[in-house]
Amino acid sequence: LGGAEKILLMNESGELQDLLTKIERVQHPHECPSCGGFGF
């Protein structure tokens, strides 16, 4: 898809929202209690 600039532009234009319709949603975003969100 691209880097930060492309994501920022797509977010501002609304294109990103359209792409994210088929992606699984997270009800309550939270950090993992074990690793603090780092994954390691």
PDB file of all heavy atoms in Angstrom:
ATOM      1  N   LEU A   1       0.821  -1.199   0.000  1.00  0.00           N
ATOM      2  CA  LEU A   1       0.000   0.000   0.000  1.00  0.00           C
ATOM      3  C   LEU A   1       0.857   1.252   0.000  1.00  0.00           C
ATOM      4  O   LEU A   1       0.576   2.188  -0.733  1.00  0.00           O
ATOM      5  CB  LEU A   1      -0.927  -0.006   1.214  1.00  0.00           C
ATOM      6  CG  LEU A   1      -2.030   1.034   1.201  1.00  0.00           C
ATOM      7  CD1 LEU A   1      -2.948   0.821   0.006  1.00  0.00           C
ATOM      8  CD2 LEU A   1      -2.830   0.968   2.481  1.00  0.00           C
ATOM      9  N   GLY A   2       1.909   1.288   0.797  1.00  0.00           N
ATOM     10  CA  GLY A   2       2.777   2.455   0.822  1.00  0.00           C
ATOM     11  C   GLY A   2       3.302   2.739   2.206  1.00  0.00           C
ATOM     12  O   GLY A   2       3.159   1.938   3.128  1.00  0.00           O
ATOM     13  N   GLY A   3       3.863   3.944   2.331  1.00  0.00           N
ATOM     14  CA  GLY A   3       4.446   4.373   3.591  1.00  0.00           C
ATOM     15  C   GLY A   3       3.571   5.384   4.300  1.00  0.00           C
ATOM     16  O   GLY A   3       2.369   5.519   4.011  1.00  0.00           O
ATOM     17  N   ALA A   4       4.160   6.145   5.200  1.00  0.00           N
ATOM     18  CA  ALA A   4       3.422   7.073   6.050  1.00  0.00           C
ATOM     19  C   ALA A   4       2.714   8.156   5.245  1.00  0.00           C
ATOM     20  O   ALA A   4       1.557   8.486   5.520  1.00  0.00           O
ATOM     21  CB  ALA A   4       4.364   7.702   7.068  1.00  0.00           C
ATOM     22  N   GLU A   5       3.382   8.711   4.252  1.00  0.00           N
ATOM     23  CA  GLU A   5       2.790   9.801   3.474  1.00  0.00           C
ATOM     24  C   GLU A   5       1.540   9.325   2.735  1.00  0.00           C
ATOM     25  O   GLU A   5       0.508   9.991   2.739  1.00  0.00           O
ATOM     26  CB  GLU A   5       3.812  10.380   2.478  1.00  0.00           C
ATOM     27  CG  GLU A   5       4.976  11.087   3.127  1.00  0.00           C
ATOM     28  CD  GLU A   5       6.035  10.140   3.689  1.00  0.00           C
ATOM     29  OE1 GLU A   5       6.085   8.948   3.279  1.00  0.00           O
ATOM     30  OE2 GLU A   5       6.790  10.590   4.561  1.00  0.00           O
ATOM     31  N   LYS A   6       1.627   8.153   2.130  1.00  0.00           N
ATOM     32  CA  LYS A   6       0.492   7.598   1.382  1.00  0.00           C
ATOM     33  C   LYS A   6      -0.665   7.282   2.326  1.00  0.00           C
ATOM     34  O   LYS A   6      -1.823   7.584   2.014  1.00  0.00           O
ATOM     35  CB  LYS A   6       0.941   6.336   0.638  1.00  0.00           C
ATOM     36  CG  LYS A   6      -0.161   5.570  -0.023  1.00  0.00           C
ATOM     37  CD  LYS A   6      -0.269   5.902  -1.477  1.00  0.00           C
ATOM     38  CE  LYS A   6      -1.445   5.207  -2.119  1.00  0.00           C
ATOM     39  NZ  LYS A   6      -1.113   4.379  -3.210  1.00  0.00           N
ATOM     40  N   ILE A   7      -0.378   6.698   3.481  1.00  0.00           N
ATOM     41  CA  ILE A   7      -1.424   6.360   4.448  1.00  0.00           C
ATOM     42  C   ILE A   7      -2.096   7.630   4.956  1.00  0.00           C
ATOM     43  O   ILE A   7      -3.323   7.699   5.072  1.00  0.00           O
ATOM     44  CB  ILE A   7      -0.858   5.524   5.625  1.00  0.00           C
ATOM     45  CG1 ILE A   7      -0.264   4.210   5.124  1.00  0.00           C
ATOM     46  CG2 ILE A   7      -1.912   5.288   6.691  1.00  0.00           C
ATOM     47  CD1 ILE A   7      -1.242   3.307   4.400  1.00  0.00           C
ATOM     48  N   LEU A   8      -1.315   8.662   5.237  1.00  0.00           N
ATOM     49  CA  LEU A   8      -1.861   9.928   5.718  1.00  0.00           C
ATOM     50  C   LEU A   8      -2.776  10.558   4.673  1.00  0.00           C
ATOM     51  O   LEU A   8      -3.883  11.009   4.987  1.00  0.00           O
ATOM     52  CB  LEU A   8      -0.728  10.882   6.093  1.00  0.00           C
ATOM     53  CG  LEU A   8      -1.122  12.195   6.742  1.00  0.00           C
ATOM     54  CD1 LEU A   8      -1.892  11.945   8.030  1.00  0.00           C
ATOM     55  CD2 LEU A   8       0.095  13.048   7.020  1.00  0.00           C
ATOM     56  N   LEU A   9      -2.340  10.577   3.408  1.00  0.00           N
ATOM     57  CA  LEU A   9      -3.165  11.120   2.324  1.00  0.00           C
ATOM     58  C   LEU A   9      -4.459  10.332   2.149  1.00  0.00           C
ATOM     59  O   LEU A   9      -5.538  10.907   1.995  1.00  0.00           O
ATOM     60  CB  LEU A   9      -2.393  11.146   1.005  1.00  0.00           C
ATOM     61  CG  LEU A   9      -1.306  12.198   0.876  1.00  0.00           C
ATOM     62  CD1 LEU A   9      -0.493  11.978  -0.397  1.00  0.00           C
ATOM     63  CD2 LEU A   9      -1.925  13.586   0.865  1.00  0.00           C
ATOM     64  N   MET A  10      -4.344   9.006   2.174  1.00  0.00           N
ATOM     65  CA  MET A  10      -5.530   8.157   2.023  1.00  0.00           C
ATOM     66  C   MET A  10      -6.485   8.329   3.200  1.00  0.00           C
ATOM     67  O   MET A  10      -7.705   8.308   3.023  1.00  0.00           O
ATOM     68  CB  MET A  10      -5.121   6.691   1.892  1.00  0.00           C
ATOM     69  CG  MET A  10      -4.438   6.361   0.594  1.00  0.00           C
ATOM     70  SD  MET A  10      -3.928   4.639   0.520  1.00  0.00           S
ATOM     71  CE  MET A  10      -5.513   3.853   0.245  1.00  0.00           C
ATOM     72  N   ASN A  11      -5.942   8.534   4.380  1.00  0.00           N
ATOM     73  CA  ASN A  11      -6.775   8.734   5.564  1.00  0.00           C
ATOM     74  C   ASN A  11      -7.541  10.051   5.468  1.00  0.00           C
ATOM     75  O   ASN A  11      -8.726  10.115   5.769  1.00  0.00           O
ATOM     76  CB  ASN A  11      -5.912   8.700   6.827  1.00  0.00           C
ATOM     77  CG  ASN A  11      -6.733   8.674   8.080  1.00  0.00           C
ATOM     78  OD1 ASN A  11      -7.695   7.933   8.195  1.00  0.00           O
ATOM     79  ND2 ASN A  11      -6.355   9.501   9.043  1.00  0.00           N
ATOM     80  N   GLU A  12      -6.854  11.096   5.012  1.00  0.00           N
ATOM     81  CA  GLU A  12      -7.484  12.409   4.899  1.00  0.00           C
ATOM     82  C   GLU A  12      -8.535  12.450   3.794  1.00  0.00           C
ATOM     83  O   GLU A  12      -9.541  13.139   3.922  1.00  0.00           O
ATOM     84  CB  GLU A  12      -6.421  13.486   4.668  1.00  0.00           C
ATOM     85  CG  GLU A  12      -5.569  13.724   5.898  1.00  0.00           C
ATOM     86  CD  GLU A  12      -4.419  14.674   5.649  1.00  0.00           C
ATOM     87  OE1 GLU A  12      -4.205  15.092   4.484  1.00  0.00           O
ATOM     88  OE2 GLU A  12      -3.718  15.001   6.616  1.00  0.00           O
ATOM     89  N   SER A  13      -8.314  11.693   2.722  1.00  0.00           N
ATOM     90  CA  SER A  13      -9.261  11.700   1.599  1.00  0.00           C
ATOM     91  C   SER A  13     -10.429  10.737   1.806  1.00  0.00           C
ATOM     92  O   SER A  13     -11.419  10.805   1.075  1.00  0.00           O
ATOM     93  CB  SER A  13      -8.538  11.342   0.298  1.00  0.00           C
ATOM     94  OG  SER A  13      -8.166   9.982   0.294  1.00  0.00           O
ATOM     95  N   GLY A  14     -10.329   9.826   2.769  1.00  0.00           N
ATOM     96  CA  GLY A  14     -11.387   8.858   3.008  1.00  0.00           C
ATOM     97  C   GLY A  14     -11.178   7.538   2.284  1.00  0.00           C
ATOM     98  O   GLY A  14     -11.953   6.591   2.471  1.00  0.00           O
ATOM     99  N   GLU A  15     -10.156   7.458   1.432  1.00  0.00           N
ATOM    100  CA  GLU A  15      -9.870   6.212   0.703  1.00  0.00           C
ATOM    101  C   GLU A  15      -9.532   5.069   1.659  1.00  0.00           C
ATOM    102  O   GLU A  15      -9.908   3.927   1.409  1.00  0.00           O
ATOM    103  CB  GLU A  15      -8.673   6.400  -0.243  1.00  0.00           C
ATOM    104  CG  GLU A  15      -8.958   7.131  -1.509  1.00  0.00           C
ATOM    105  CD  GLU A  15      -7.689   7.214  -2.349  1.00  0.00           C
ATOM    106  OE1 GLU A  15      -7.366   6.216  -3.025  1.00  0.00           O
ATOM    107  OE2 GLU A  15      -7.024   8.267  -2.286  1.00  0.00           O
ATOM    108  N   LEU A  16      -8.814   5.384   2.732  1.00  0.00           N
ATOM    109  CA  LEU A  16      -8.391   4.357   3.678  1.00  0.00           C
ATOM    110  C   LEU A  16      -9.607   3.715   4.346  1.00  0.00           C
ATOM    111  O   LEU A  16      -9.664   2.495   4.496  1.00  0.00           O
ATOM    112  CB  LEU A  16      -7.444   4.939   4.729  1.00  0.00           C
ATOM    113  CG  LEU A  16      -6.787   3.944   5.661  1.00  0.00           C
ATOM    114  CD1 LEU A  16      -5.946   2.939   4.893  1.00  0.00           C
ATOM    115  CD2 LEU A  16      -5.926   4.660   6.685  1.00  0.00           C
ATOM    116  N   GLN A  17     -10.579   4.524   4.712  1.00  0.00           N
ATOM    117  CA  GLN A  17     -11.799   4.007   5.345  1.00  0.00           C
ATOM    118  C   GLN A  17     -12.487   2.989   4.434  1.00  0.00           C
ATOM    119  O   GLN A  17     -12.948   1.953   4.898  1.00  0.00           O
ATOM    120  CB  GLN A  17     -12.760   5.157   5.664  1.00  0.00           C
ATOM    121  CG  GLN A  17     -14.046   4.726   6.323  1.00  0.00           C
ATOM    122  CD  GLN A  17     -13.836   4.157   7.712  1.00  0.00           C
ATOM    123  OE1 GLN A  17     -12.934   4.556   8.434  1.00  0.00           O
ATOM    124  NE2 GLN A  17     -14.660   3.211   8.095  1.00  0.00           N
ATOM    125  N   ASP A  18     -12.510   3.263   3.129  1.00  0.00           N
ATOM    126  CA  ASP A  18     -13.121   2.332   2.173  1.00  0.00           C
ATOM    127  C   ASP A  18     -12.359   1.017   2.102  1.00  0.00           C
ATOM    128  O   ASP A  18     -12.961  -0.046   1.995  1.00  0.00           O
ATOM    129  CB  ASP A  18     -13.187   2.964   0.776  1.00  0.00           C
ATOM    130  CG  ASP A  18     -14.084   4.184   0.736  1.00  0.00           C
ATOM    131  OD1 ASP A  18     -14.965   4.308   1.622  1.00  0.00           O
ATOM    132  OD2 ASP A  18     -13.911   5.024  -0.172  1.00  0.00           O
ATOM    133  N   LEU A  19     -11.020   1.089   2.165  1.00  0.00           N
ATOM    134  CA  LEU A  19     -10.204  -0.122   2.129  1.00  0.00           C
ATOM    135  C   LEU A  19     -10.366  -0.977   3.386  1.00  0.00           C
ATOM    136  O   LEU A  19     -10.205  -2.192   3.338  1.00  0.00           O
ATOM    137  CB  LEU A  19      -8.718   0.245   2.005  1.00  0.00           C
ATOM    138  CG  LEU A  19      -8.129   0.366   0.620  1.00  0.00           C
ATOM    139  CD1 LEU A  19      -6.675   0.825   0.723  1.00  0.00           C
ATOM    140  CD2 LEU A  19      -8.214  -0.928  -0.136  1.00  0.00           C
ATOM    141  N   LEU A  20     -10.689  -0.342   4.485  1.00  0.00           N
ATOM    142  CA  LEU A  20     -10.733  -1.041   5.772  1.00  0.00           C
ATOM    143  C   LEU A  20     -12.081  -1.680   6.074  1.00  0.00           C
ATOM    144  O   LEU A  20     -12.248  -2.281   7.131  1.00  0.00           O
ATOM    145  CB  LEU A  20     -10.364  -0.072   6.900  1.00  0.00           C
ATOM    146  CG  LEU A  20      -8.964   0.539   6.813  1.00  0.00           C
ATOM    147  CD1 LEU A  20      -8.733   1.501   7.965  1.00  0.00           C
ATOM    148  CD2 LEU A  20      -7.895  -0.530   6.764  1.00  0.00           C
ATOM    149  N   THR A  21     -13.027  -1.601   5.155  1.00  0.00           N
ATOM    150  CA  THR A  21     -14.356  -2.162   5.415  1.00  0.00           C
ATOM    151  C   THR A  21     -14.330  -3.671   5.594  1.00  0.00           C
ATOM    152  O   THR A  21     -15.145  -4.221   6.325  1.00  0.00           O
ATOM    153  CB  THR A  21     -15.345  -1.804   4.290  1.00  0.00           C
ATOM    154  OG1 THR A  21     -14.809  -2.261   3.044  1.00  0.00           O
ATOM    155  CG2 THR A  21     -15.605  -0.310   4.251  1.00  0.00           C
ATOM    156  N   LYS A  22     -13.399  -4.362   4.927  1.00  0.00           N
ATOM    157  CA  LYS A  22     -13.354  -5.823   5.015  1.00  0.00           C
ATOM    158  C   LYS A  22     -12.371  -6.337   6.072  1.00  0.00           C
ATOM    159  O   LYS A  22     -12.195  -7.534   6.224  1.00  0.00           O
ATOM    160  CB  LYS A  22     -12.992  -6.408   3.648  1.00  0.00           C
ATOM    161  CG  LYS A  22     -11.660  -5.953   3.132  1.00  0.00           C
ATOM    162  CD  LYS A  22     -11.385  -6.488   1.756  1.00  0.00           C
ATOM    163  CE  LYS A  22     -10.124  -5.887   1.225  1.00  0.00           C
ATOM    164  NZ  LYS A  22     -10.258  -5.146   0.029  1.00  0.00           N
ATOM    165  N   ILE A  23     -11.744  -5.437   6.814  1.00  0.00           N
ATOM    166  CA  ILE A  23     -10.774  -5.817   7.849  1.00  0.00           C
ATOM    167  C   ILE A  23     -11.493  -6.005   9.183  1.00  0.00           C
ATOM    168  O   ILE A  23     -12.401  -5.245   9.522  1.00  0.00           O
ATOM    169  CB  ILE A  23      -9.671  -4.733   7.983  1.00  0.00           C
ATOM    170  CG1 ILE A  23      -8.992  -4.438   6.647  1.00  0.00           C
ATOM    171  CG2 ILE A  23      -8.652  -5.129   9.045  1.00  0.00           C
ATOM    172  CD1 ILE A  23      -8.255  -5.607   6.041  1.00  0.00           C
ATOM    173  N   GLU A  24     -11.060  -7.020   9.929  1.00  0.00           N
ATOM    174  CA  GLU A  24     -11.659  -7.315  11.223  1.00  0.00           C
ATOM    175  C   GLU A  24     -11.513  -6.132  12.173  1.00  0.00           C
ATOM    176  O   GLU A  24     -10.450  -5.513  12.277  1.00  0.00           O
ATOM    177  CB  GLU A  24     -10.965  -8.551  11.821  1.00  0.00           C
ATOM    178  CG  GLU A  24     -11.526  -8.997  13.140  1.00  0.00           C
ATOM    179  CD  GLU A  24     -10.791 -10.201  13.704  1.00  0.00           C
ATOM    180  OE1 GLU A  24     -10.040 -10.861  12.957  1.00  0.00           O
ATOM    181  OE2 GLU A  24     -10.965 -10.472  14.901  1.00  0.00           O
ATOM    182  N   ARG A  25     -12.579  -5.826  12.875  1.00  0.00           N
ATOM    183  CA  ARG A  25     -12.602  -4.703  13.817  1.00  0.00           C
ATOM    184  C   ARG A  25     -12.169  -5.150  15.211  1.00  0.00           C
ATOM    185  O   ARG A  25     -12.328  -6.309  15.584  1.00  0.00           O
ATOM    186  CB  ARG A  25     -14.004  -4.101  13.912  1.00  0.00           C
ATOM    187  CG  ARG A  25     -14.510  -3.549  12.611  1.00  0.00           C
ATOM    188  CD  ARG A  25     -13.790  -2.304  12.255  1.00  0.00           C
ATOM    189  NE  ARG A  25     -14.130  -1.890  10.894  1.00  0.00           N
ATOM    190  CZ  ARG A  25     -13.675  -0.805  10.346  1.00  0.00           C
ATOM    191  NH1 ARG A  25     -12.862  -0.029  11.007  1.00  0.00           N
ATOM    192  NH2 ARG A  25     -13.999  -0.493   9.120  1.00  0.00           N
ATOM    193  N   VAL A  26     -11.661  -4.210  15.968  1.00  0.00           N
ATOM    194  CA  VAL A  26     -11.279  -4.435  17.354  1.00  0.00           C
ATOM    195  C   VAL A  26     -12.264  -3.640  18.203  1.00  0.00           C
ATOM    196  O   VAL A  26     -12.402  -2.431  18.018  1.00  0.00           O
ATOM    197  CB  VAL A  26      -9.833  -3.963  17.617  1.00  0.00           C
ATOM    198  CG1 VAL A  26      -9.471  -4.125  19.075  1.00  0.00           C
ATOM    199  CG2 VAL A  26      -8.864  -4.701  16.730  1.00  0.00           C
ATOM    200  N   GLN A  27     -12.948  -4.302  19.105  1.00  0.00           N
ATOM    201  CA  GLN A  27     -13.956  -3.627  19.928  1.00  0.00           C
ATOM    202  C   GLN A  27     -13.304  -2.665  20.920  1.00  0.00           C
ATOM    203  O   GLN A  27     -13.649  -1.512  20.976  1.00  0.00           O
ATOM    204  CB  GLN A  27     -14.801  -4.658  20.683  1.00  0.00           C
ATOM    205  CG  GLN A  27     -15.662  -5.497  19.778  1.00  0.00           C
ATOM    206  CD  GLN A  27     -16.649  -4.664  18.982  1.00  0.00           C
ATOM    207  OE1 GLN A  27     -17.220  -3.709  19.486  1.00  0.00           O
ATOM    208  NE2 GLN A  27     -16.829  -5.014  17.717  1.00  0.00           N
ATOM    209  N   HIS A  28     -12.421  -3.184  21.712  1.00  0.00           N
ATOM    210  CA  HIS A  28     -11.757  -2.365  22.719  1.00  0.00           C
ATOM    211  C   HIS A  28     -10.260  -2.511  22.543  1.00  0.00           C
ATOM    212  O   HIS A  28      -9.677  -3.493  22.999  1.00  0.00           O
ATOM    213  CB  HIS A  28     -12.150  -2.814  24.131  1.00  0.00           C
ATOM    214  CG  HIS A  28     -13.615  -2.709  24.379  1.00  0.00           C
ATOM    215  ND1 HIS A  28     -14.261  -1.511  24.521  1.00  0.00           N
ATOM    216  CD2 HIS A  28     -14.561  -3.669  24.481  1.00  0.00           C
ATOM    217  CE1 HIS A  28     -15.546  -1.734  24.713  1.00  0.00           C
ATOM    218  NE2 HIS A  28     -15.755  -3.041  24.689  1.00  0.00           N
ATOM    219  N   PRO A  29      -9.625  -1.549  21.859  1.00  0.00           N
ATOM    220  CA  PRO A  29      -8.175  -1.679  21.683  1.00  0.00           C
ATOM    221  C   PRO A  29      -7.481  -1.672  23.048  1.00  0.00           C
ATOM    222  O   PRO A  29      -7.802  -0.873  23.902  1.00  0.00           O
ATOM    223  CB  PRO A  29      -7.790  -0.459  20.853  1.00  0.00           C
ATOM    224  CG  PRO A  29      -8.948   0.462  20.903  1.00  0.00           C
ATOM    225  CD  PRO A  29     -10.158  -0.319  21.317  1.00  0.00           C
ATOM    226  N   HIS A  30      -6.586  -2.609  23.230  1.00  0.00           N
ATOM    227  CA  HIS A  30      -5.857  -2.707  24.484  1.00  0.00           C
ATOM    228  C   HIS A  30      -4.471  -3.268  24.220  1.00  0.00           C
ATOM    229  O   HIS A  30      -4.230  -3.884  23.200  1.00  0.00           O
ATOM    230  CB  HIS A  30      -6.598  -3.603  25.479  1.00  0.00           C
ATOM    231  CG  HIS A  30      -6.668  -5.022  25.026  1.00  0.00           C
ATOM    232  ND1 HIS A  30      -7.540  -5.447  24.059  1.00  0.00           N
ATOM    233  CD2 HIS A  30      -5.958  -6.108  25.397  1.00  0.00           C
ATOM    234  CE1 HIS A  30      -7.362  -6.746  23.858  1.00  0.00           C
ATOM    235  NE2 HIS A  30      -6.416  -7.173  24.647  1.00  0.00           N
ATOM    236  N   GLU A  31      -3.611  -3.012  25.159  1.00  0.00           N
ATOM    237  CA  GLU A  31      -2.267  -3.568  25.068  1.00  0.00           C
ATOM    238  C   GLU A  31      -2.241  -4.908  25.779  1.00  0.00           C
ATOM    239  O   GLU A  31      -2.935  -5.116  26.771  1.00  0.00           O
ATOM    240  CB  GLU A  31      -1.250  -2.622  25.708  1.00  0.00           C
ATOM    241  CG  GLU A  31      -0.979  -1.393  24.890  1.00  0.00           C
ATOM    242  CD  GLU A  31       0.144  -0.563  25.485  1.00  0.00           C
ATOM    243  OE1 GLU A  31       0.590  -0.856  26.610  1.00  0.00           O
ATOM    244  OE2 GLU A  31       0.575   0.368  24.812  1.00  0.00           O
ATOM    245  N   CYS A  32      -1.428  -5.793  25.277  1.00  0.00           N
ATOM    246  CA  CYS A  32      -1.269  -7.105  25.886  1.00  0.00           C
ATOM    247  C   CYS A  32      -0.679  -6.929  27.289  1.00  0.00           C
ATOM    248  O   CYS A  32       0.317  -6.224  27.460  1.00  0.00           O
ATOM    249  CB  CYS A  32      -0.344  -7.952  25.018  1.00  0.00           C
ATOM    250  SG  CYS A  32       0.094  -9.533  25.756  1.00  0.00           S
ATOM    251  N   PRO A  33      -1.279  -7.574  28.288  1.00  0.00           N
ATOM    252  CA  PRO A  33      -0.743  -7.439  29.646  1.00  0.00           C
ATOM    253  C   PRO A  33       0.618  -8.117  29.820  1.00  0.00           C
ATOM    254  O   PRO A  33       1.366  -7.763  30.723  1.00  0.00           O
ATOM    255  CB  PRO A  33      -1.794  -8.120  30.529  1.00  0.00           C
ATOM    256  CG  PRO A  33      -2.579  -8.989  29.613  1.00  0.00           C
ATOM    257  CD  PRO A  33      -2.490  -8.373  28.242  1.00  0.00           C
ATOM    258  N   SER A  34       0.945  -9.067  28.949  1.00  0.00           N
ATOM    259  CA  SER A  34       2.225  -9.775  29.076  1.00  0.00           C
ATOM    260  C   SER A  34       3.385  -8.975  28.518  1.00  0.00           C
ATOM    261  O   SER A  34       4.426  -8.839  29.150  1.00  0.00           O
ATOM    262  CB  SER A  34       2.158 -11.118  28.360  1.00  0.00           C
ATOM    263  OG  SER A  34       1.179 -11.939  28.942  1.00  0.00           O
ATOM    264  N   CYS A  35       3.227  -8.462  27.285  1.00  0.00           N
ATOM    265  CA  CYS A  35       4.354  -7.810  26.602  1.00  0.00           C
ATOM    266  C   CYS A  35       4.184  -6.311  26.426  1.00  0.00           C
ATOM    267  O   CYS A  35       5.077  -5.648  25.903  1.00  0.00           O
ATOM    268  CB  CYS A  35       4.573  -8.461  25.237  1.00  0.00           C
ATOM    269  SG  CYS A  35       3.238  -8.161  24.065  1.00  0.00           S
ATOM    270  N   GLY A  36       3.039  -5.760  26.815  1.00  0.00           N
ATOM    271  CA  GLY A  36       2.823  -4.322  26.673  1.00  0.00           C
ATOM    272  C   GLY A  36       2.607  -3.872  25.245  1.00  0.00           C
ATOM    273  O   GLY A  36       2.760  -2.703  24.933  1.00  0.00           O
ATOM    274  N   GLY A  37       2.264  -4.811  24.359  1.00  0.00           N
ATOM    275  CA  GLY A  37       1.997  -4.459  22.968  1.00  0.00           C
ATOM    276  C   GLY A  37       3.182  -4.606  22.037  1.00  0.00           C
ATOM    277  O   GLY A  37       3.071  -4.339  20.850  1.00  0.00           O
ATOM    278  N   PHE A  38       4.326  -5.037  22.536  1.00  0.00           N
ATOM    279  CA  PHE A  38       5.506  -5.186  21.693  1.00  0.00           C
ATOM    280  C   PHE A  38       5.508  -6.489  20.905  1.00  0.00           C
ATOM    281  O   PHE A  38       6.162  -6.610  19.888  1.00  0.00           O
ATOM    282  CB  PHE A  38       6.795  -5.089  22.515  1.00  0.00           C
ATOM    283  CG  PHE A  38       7.132  -3.692  22.911  1.00  0.00           C
ATOM    284  CD1 PHE A  38       6.857  -3.238  24.179  1.00  0.00           C
ATOM    285  CD2 PHE A  38       7.710  -2.821  22.008  1.00  0.00           C
ATOM    286  CE1 PHE A  38       7.153  -1.943  24.542  1.00  0.00           C
ATOM    287  CE2 PHE A  38       8.013  -1.521  22.361  1.00  0.00           C
ATOM    288  CZ  PHE A  38       7.730  -1.081  23.634  1.00  0.00           C
ATOM    289  N   GLY A  39       4.807  -7.509  21.393  1.00  0.00           N
ATOM    290  CA  GLY A  39       4.749  -8.795  20.702  1.00  0.00           C
ATOM    291  C   GLY A  39       5.917  -9.716  21.007  1.00  0.00           C
ATOM    292  O   GLY A  39       5.980 -10.822  20.499  1.00  0.00           O
ATOM    293  N   PHE A  40       6.857  -9.269  21.822  1.00  0.00           N
ATOM    294  CA  PHE A  40       8.025 -10.063  22.194  1.00  0.00           C
ATOM    295  C   PHE A  40       8.273  -9.953  23.692  1.00  0.00           C
ATOM    296  O   PHE A  40       7.963  -8.940  24.312  1.00  0.00           O
ATOM    297  CB  PHE A  40       9.284  -9.578  21.454  1.00  0.00           C
ATOM    298  CG  PHE A  40       9.311  -9.942  20.008  1.00  0.00           C
ATOM    299  CD1 PHE A  40       8.766  -9.100  19.054  1.00  0.00           C
ATOM    300  CD2 PHE A  40       9.878 -11.131  19.586  1.00  0.00           C
ATOM    301  CE1 PHE A  40       8.785  -9.429  17.719  1.00  0.00           C
ATOM    302  CE2 PHE A  40       9.902 -11.478  18.254  1.00  0.00           C
ATOM    303  CZ  PHE A  40       9.357 -10.622  17.313  1.00  0.00           C
TER     304      PHE A  40
END
